């Protein structure tokens, strides 16, 4: 296993954040509605992990270090894990496991449907993130995993719908996501390493 220290660091961070939030909830530090706070934090955590995952390819191109790509799958799976916890918080703390209320919520709050589509996309990527799926799907595997860009758009739309009264925080996430998409435009992706190289970077 390459870069075990990096993998361990990501594992510790991924576990530590929810555990810390649970501790805050147990100590009554999350206000009168800790379930909703937990749900919101896990949702933002998933979006953050998704953006960090998408950073790995540009960072590898800029630095030439293979470690970024090695941990990309692990980061993506943490994104999926946080989304699962986000949904569980919604089912337990918001719906109270009242499945009949779910249909009402979908009609009243369409952003839940958008989030559900994003979850299904992440589920498809998580299930096929292993080497067996790569061999089985062949060239179709890369096409399938480009679905991550659609998932990012759905996640940002879901977030926007929730915080539309205060767009400052959303704008930060959207700006980072937009930059990562620009860096994937072929002309930009080819040009950036050369620019770094001219300034004395690793691409020189």
Protein backbone atom coordinates (compact mmCIF):
# COMPACT_ATOMS: atom_id res chain seq x y z
CA UNK A 1 0.00 0.00 0.00
CA UNK A 2 1.48 3.32 -1.08
CA UNK A 3 1.44 6.39 1.17
CA UNK A 4 -0.08 4.68 4.23
CA UNK A 5 0.53 7.79 6.36
CA UNK A 6 -1.62 9.88 4.02
CA UNK A 7 -4.37 7.28 3.97
CA UNK A 8 -4.29 7.11 7.77
CA UNK A 9 -4.49 10.90 8.08
CA UNK A 10 -7.57 11.01 5.83
CA UNK A 11 -9.16 8.17 7.81
CA UNK A 12 -8.57 9.98 11.10
CA UNK A 13 -10.04 13.24 9.80
CA UNK A 14 -13.02 11.44 8.26
CA UNK A 15 -13.83 9.69 11.55
CA UNK A 16 -12.96 12.54 13.89
CA UNK A 17 -15.36 15.14 12.54
CA UNK A 18 -18.64 13.18 13.03
CA UNK A 19 -17.42 11.92 16.41
CA UNK A 20 -16.68 15.46 17.52
CA UNK A 21 -20.09 16.65 16.34
CA UNK A 22 -21.76 13.80 18.21
CA UNK A 23 -19.83 14.80 21.33
CA UNK A 24 -21.06 18.38 20.91
CA UNK A 25 -24.63 17.11 20.55
CA UNK A 26 -24.28 14.94 23.67
CA UNK A 27 -22.97 17.95 25.62
CA UNK A 28 -25.90 20.10 24.38
CA UNK A 29 -23.53 22.40 22.49
CA UNK A 30 -25.48 22.40 19.21
CA UNK A 31 -28.47 24.44 20.31
CA UNK A 32 -32.13 23.44 20.55
CA UNK A 33 -32.14 21.35 17.34
CA UNK A 34 -28.93 19.26 17.35
CA UNK A 35 -30.31 16.75 14.83
CA UNK A 36 -30.68 19.43 12.17
CA UNK A 37 -27.22 20.83 12.93
CA UNK A 38 -25.71 17.37 12.58
CA UNK A 39 -27.55 16.84 9.31
CA UNK A 40 -26.37 20.18 7.92
CA UNK A 41 -22.75 19.63 8.97
CA UNK A 42 -22.66 16.18 7.42
CA UNK A 43 -24.10 17.56 4.19
CA UNK A 44 -21.46 20.28 4.05
CA UNK A 45 -18.82 17.71 4.98
CA UNK A 46 -19.87 15.56 2.02
CA UNK A 47 -19.70 18.55 -0.33
CA UNK A 48 -16.26 19.43 1.04
CA UNK A 49 -15.00 15.87 0.53
CA UNK A 50 -16.38 15.94 -3.01
CA UNK A 51 -14.53 19.16 -3.81
CA UNK A 52 -11.32 17.85 -2.24
CA UNK A 53 -11.69 14.66 -4.30
CA UNK A 54 -11.99 16.75 -7.46
CA UNK A 55 -8.85 18.66 -6.46
CA UNK A 56 -6.70 15.55 -6.71
CA UNK A 57 -6.31 15.45 -10.49
CA UNK A 58 -5.39 19.16 -10.88
CA UNK A 59 -2.93 18.85 -7.98
CA UNK A 60 -1.32 15.81 -9.58
CA UNK A 61 -0.95 17.70 -12.87
CA UNK A 62 0.50 20.73 -11.12
CA UNK A 63 2.96 18.91 -8.85
CA UNK A 64 3.61 15.61 -10.60
CA UNK A 65 3.16 13.80 -7.26
CA UNK A 66 1.26 10.53 -7.58
CA UNK A 67 0.03 10.56 -3.97
CA UNK A 68 -2.90 12.80 -4.89
CA UNK A 69 -4.36 10.19 -7.23
CA UNK A 70 -3.66 7.33 -4.81
CA UNK A 71 -6.05 8.78 -2.20
CA UNK A 72 -8.71 10.02 -4.64
CA UNK A 73 -10.87 6.91 -4.27
CA UNK A 74 -10.64 7.03 -0.48
CA UNK A 75 -11.77 10.66 -0.44
CA UNK A 76 -14.67 9.86 -2.74
CA UNK A 77 -15.81 7.05 -0.46
CA UNK A 78 -15.70 9.41 2.53
CA UNK A 79 -17.93 11.77 0.57
CA UNK A 80 -20.38 8.91 0.07
CA UNK A 81 -20.19 7.93 3.76
CA UNK A 82 -21.00 11.47 4.86
CA UNK A 83 -23.96 11.60 2.49
CA UNK A 84 -25.30 8.34 3.93
CA UNK A 85 -25.01 9.81 7.44
CA UNK A 86 -26.64 13.03 6.20
CA UNK A 87 -29.62 11.06 4.90
CA UNK A 88 -29.87 9.00 8.08
CA UNK A 89 -29.99 12.20 10.14
CA UNK A 90 -32.77 13.47 7.90
CA UNK A 91 -34.76 10.24 8.27
CA UNK A 92 -34.32 10.03 12.05
CA UNK A 93 -34.33 13.65 13.21
CA UNK A 94 -36.48 15.41 10.60
CA UNK A 95 -38.93 12.71 9.49
CA UNK A 96 -38.86 10.66 12.68
CA UNK A 97 -38.89 7.57 10.42
CA UNK A 98 -42.39 8.55 9.25
CA UNK A 99 -42.19 7.24 5.69
CA UNK A 100 -45.61 8.62 4.83
CA UNK A 101 -44.28 12.10 5.48
CA UNK A 102 -41.54 11.62 2.90
CA UNK A 103 -43.92 12.04 -0.05
CA UNK A 104 -45.24 15.25 1.51
CA UNK A 105 -41.69 16.55 2.00
CA UNK A 106 -40.79 15.80 -1.62
CA UNK A 107 -43.77 17.87 -2.82
CA UNK A 108 -43.08 20.76 -0.45
CA UNK A 109 -39.28 20.78 -0.77
CA UNK A 110 -38.07 19.85 -4.27
CA UNK A 111 -34.44 20.27 -3.17
CA UNK A 112 -34.83 16.92 -1.36
CA UNK A 113 -35.49 15.28 -4.74
CA UNK A 114 -32.38 16.99 -6.16
CA UNK A 115 -30.34 15.71 -3.23
CA UNK A 116 -31.73 12.20 -3.74
CA UNK A 117 -30.58 12.25 -7.37
CA UNK A 118 -27.11 13.27 -6.23
CA UNK A 119 -27.09 10.40 -3.72
CA UNK A 120 -28.04 7.87 -6.40
CA UNK A 121 -25.20 9.14 -8.55
CA UNK A 122 -22.74 8.83 -5.66
CA UNK A 123 -24.06 5.34 -4.95
CA UNK A 124 -23.30 4.30 -8.54
CA UNK A 125 -19.76 5.69 -8.27
CA UNK A 126 -19.12 4.11 -4.86
CA UNK A 127 -20.30 0.66 -5.99
CA UNK A 128 -18.10 0.79 -9.11
CA UNK A 129 -15.02 2.40 -7.53
CA UNK A 130 -13.19 -0.94 -7.17
CA UNK A 131 -10.70 -2.51 -9.56
CA UNK A 132 -13.08 -5.32 -10.46
CA UNK A 133 -15.57 -2.77 -11.81
CA UNK A 134 -12.80 -0.98 -13.69
CA UNK A 135 -11.86 -4.22 -15.47
CA UNK A 136 -15.48 -5.23 -16.00
CA UNK A 137 -16.64 -1.91 -17.44
CA UNK A 138 -13.48 -1.10 -19.40
CA UNK A 139 -13.73 2.20 -21.27
CA UNK A 140 -17.26 2.70 -19.95
CA UNK A 141 -15.87 3.07 -16.41
CA UNK A 142 -14.35 6.51 -17.10
CA UNK A 143 -17.53 7.66 -18.81
CA UNK A 144 -19.59 6.54 -15.81
CA UNK A 145 -17.32 8.30 -13.33
CA UNK A 146 -17.65 11.58 -15.20
CA UNK A 147 -21.05 11.55 -13.53
CA UNK A 148 -19.21 13.17 -10.60
CA UNK A 149 -19.51 16.54 -12.39
CA UNK A 150 -23.29 16.17 -12.54
CA UNK A 151 -23.30 15.17 -8.88
CA UNK A 152 -21.36 18.31 -7.99
CA UNK A 153 -23.93 20.41 -9.82
CA UNK A 154 -26.80 18.66 -8.04
CA UNK A 155 -25.07 19.09 -4.68
CA UNK A 156 -24.54 22.81 -5.24
CA UNK A 157 -28.14 23.25 -6.40
CA UNK A 158 -29.38 21.36 -3.32
CA UNK A 159 -27.26 23.60 -1.10
CA UNK A 160 -28.35 26.77 -2.92
CA UNK A 161 -32.02 25.89 -2.49
CA UNK A 162 -31.51 25.53 1.25
CA UNK A 163 -29.47 28.71 1.90
CA UNK A 164 -30.94 31.01 -0.75
CA UNK A 165 -31.45 33.75 1.87
CA UNK A 166 -27.67 33.95 2.51
CA UNK A 167 -25.56 33.14 -0.51
CA UNK A 168 -22.11 34.04 0.83
CA UNK A 169 -21.19 30.55 2.05
CA UNK A 170 -22.72 28.91 -1.02
CA UNK A 171 -20.73 31.24 -3.29
CA UNK A 172 -17.46 29.99 -1.77
CA UNK A 173 -18.29 26.33 -2.50
CA UNK A 174 -19.68 27.19 -5.94
CA UNK A 175 -16.59 29.26 -6.77
CA UNK A 176 -14.25 26.41 -5.86
CA UNK A 177 -16.38 23.97 -7.83
CA UNK A 178 -16.44 26.30 -10.83
CA UNK A 179 -12.64 26.68 -10.72
CA UNK A 180 -12.19 22.92 -10.62
CA UNK A 181 -14.41 22.56 -13.67
CA UNK A 182 -12.45 25.23 -15.55
CA UNK A 183 -9.21 23.38 -14.76
CA UNK A 184 -10.69 20.35 -16.50
CA UNK A 185 -11.20 22.13 -19.81
CA UNK A 186 -8.58 20.44 -22.04
CA UNK A 187 -6.96 23.70 -23.19
CA UNK A 188 -6.66 24.93 -19.61
CA UNK A 189 -5.50 21.56 -18.28
CA UNK A 190 -2.65 21.54 -20.84
CA UNK A 191 -1.65 25.14 -20.24
CA UNK A 192 -1.55 25.35 -16.43
CA UNK A 193 1.38 22.91 -15.88
CA UNK A 194 3.41 24.82 -18.48
CA UNK A 195 2.75 28.10 -16.66
CA UNK A 196 3.84 26.56 -13.39
CA UNK A 197 6.96 25.20 -15.07
CA UNK A 198 7.94 28.63 -16.37
CA UNK A 199 7.83 29.95 -12.81
CA UNK A 200 10.22 27.32 -11.57
CA UNK A 201 7.70 24.63 -10.69
CA UNK A 202 7.96 20.88 -11.10
CA UNK A 203 6.81 20.99 -14.72
CA UNK A 204 9.93 22.82 -15.86
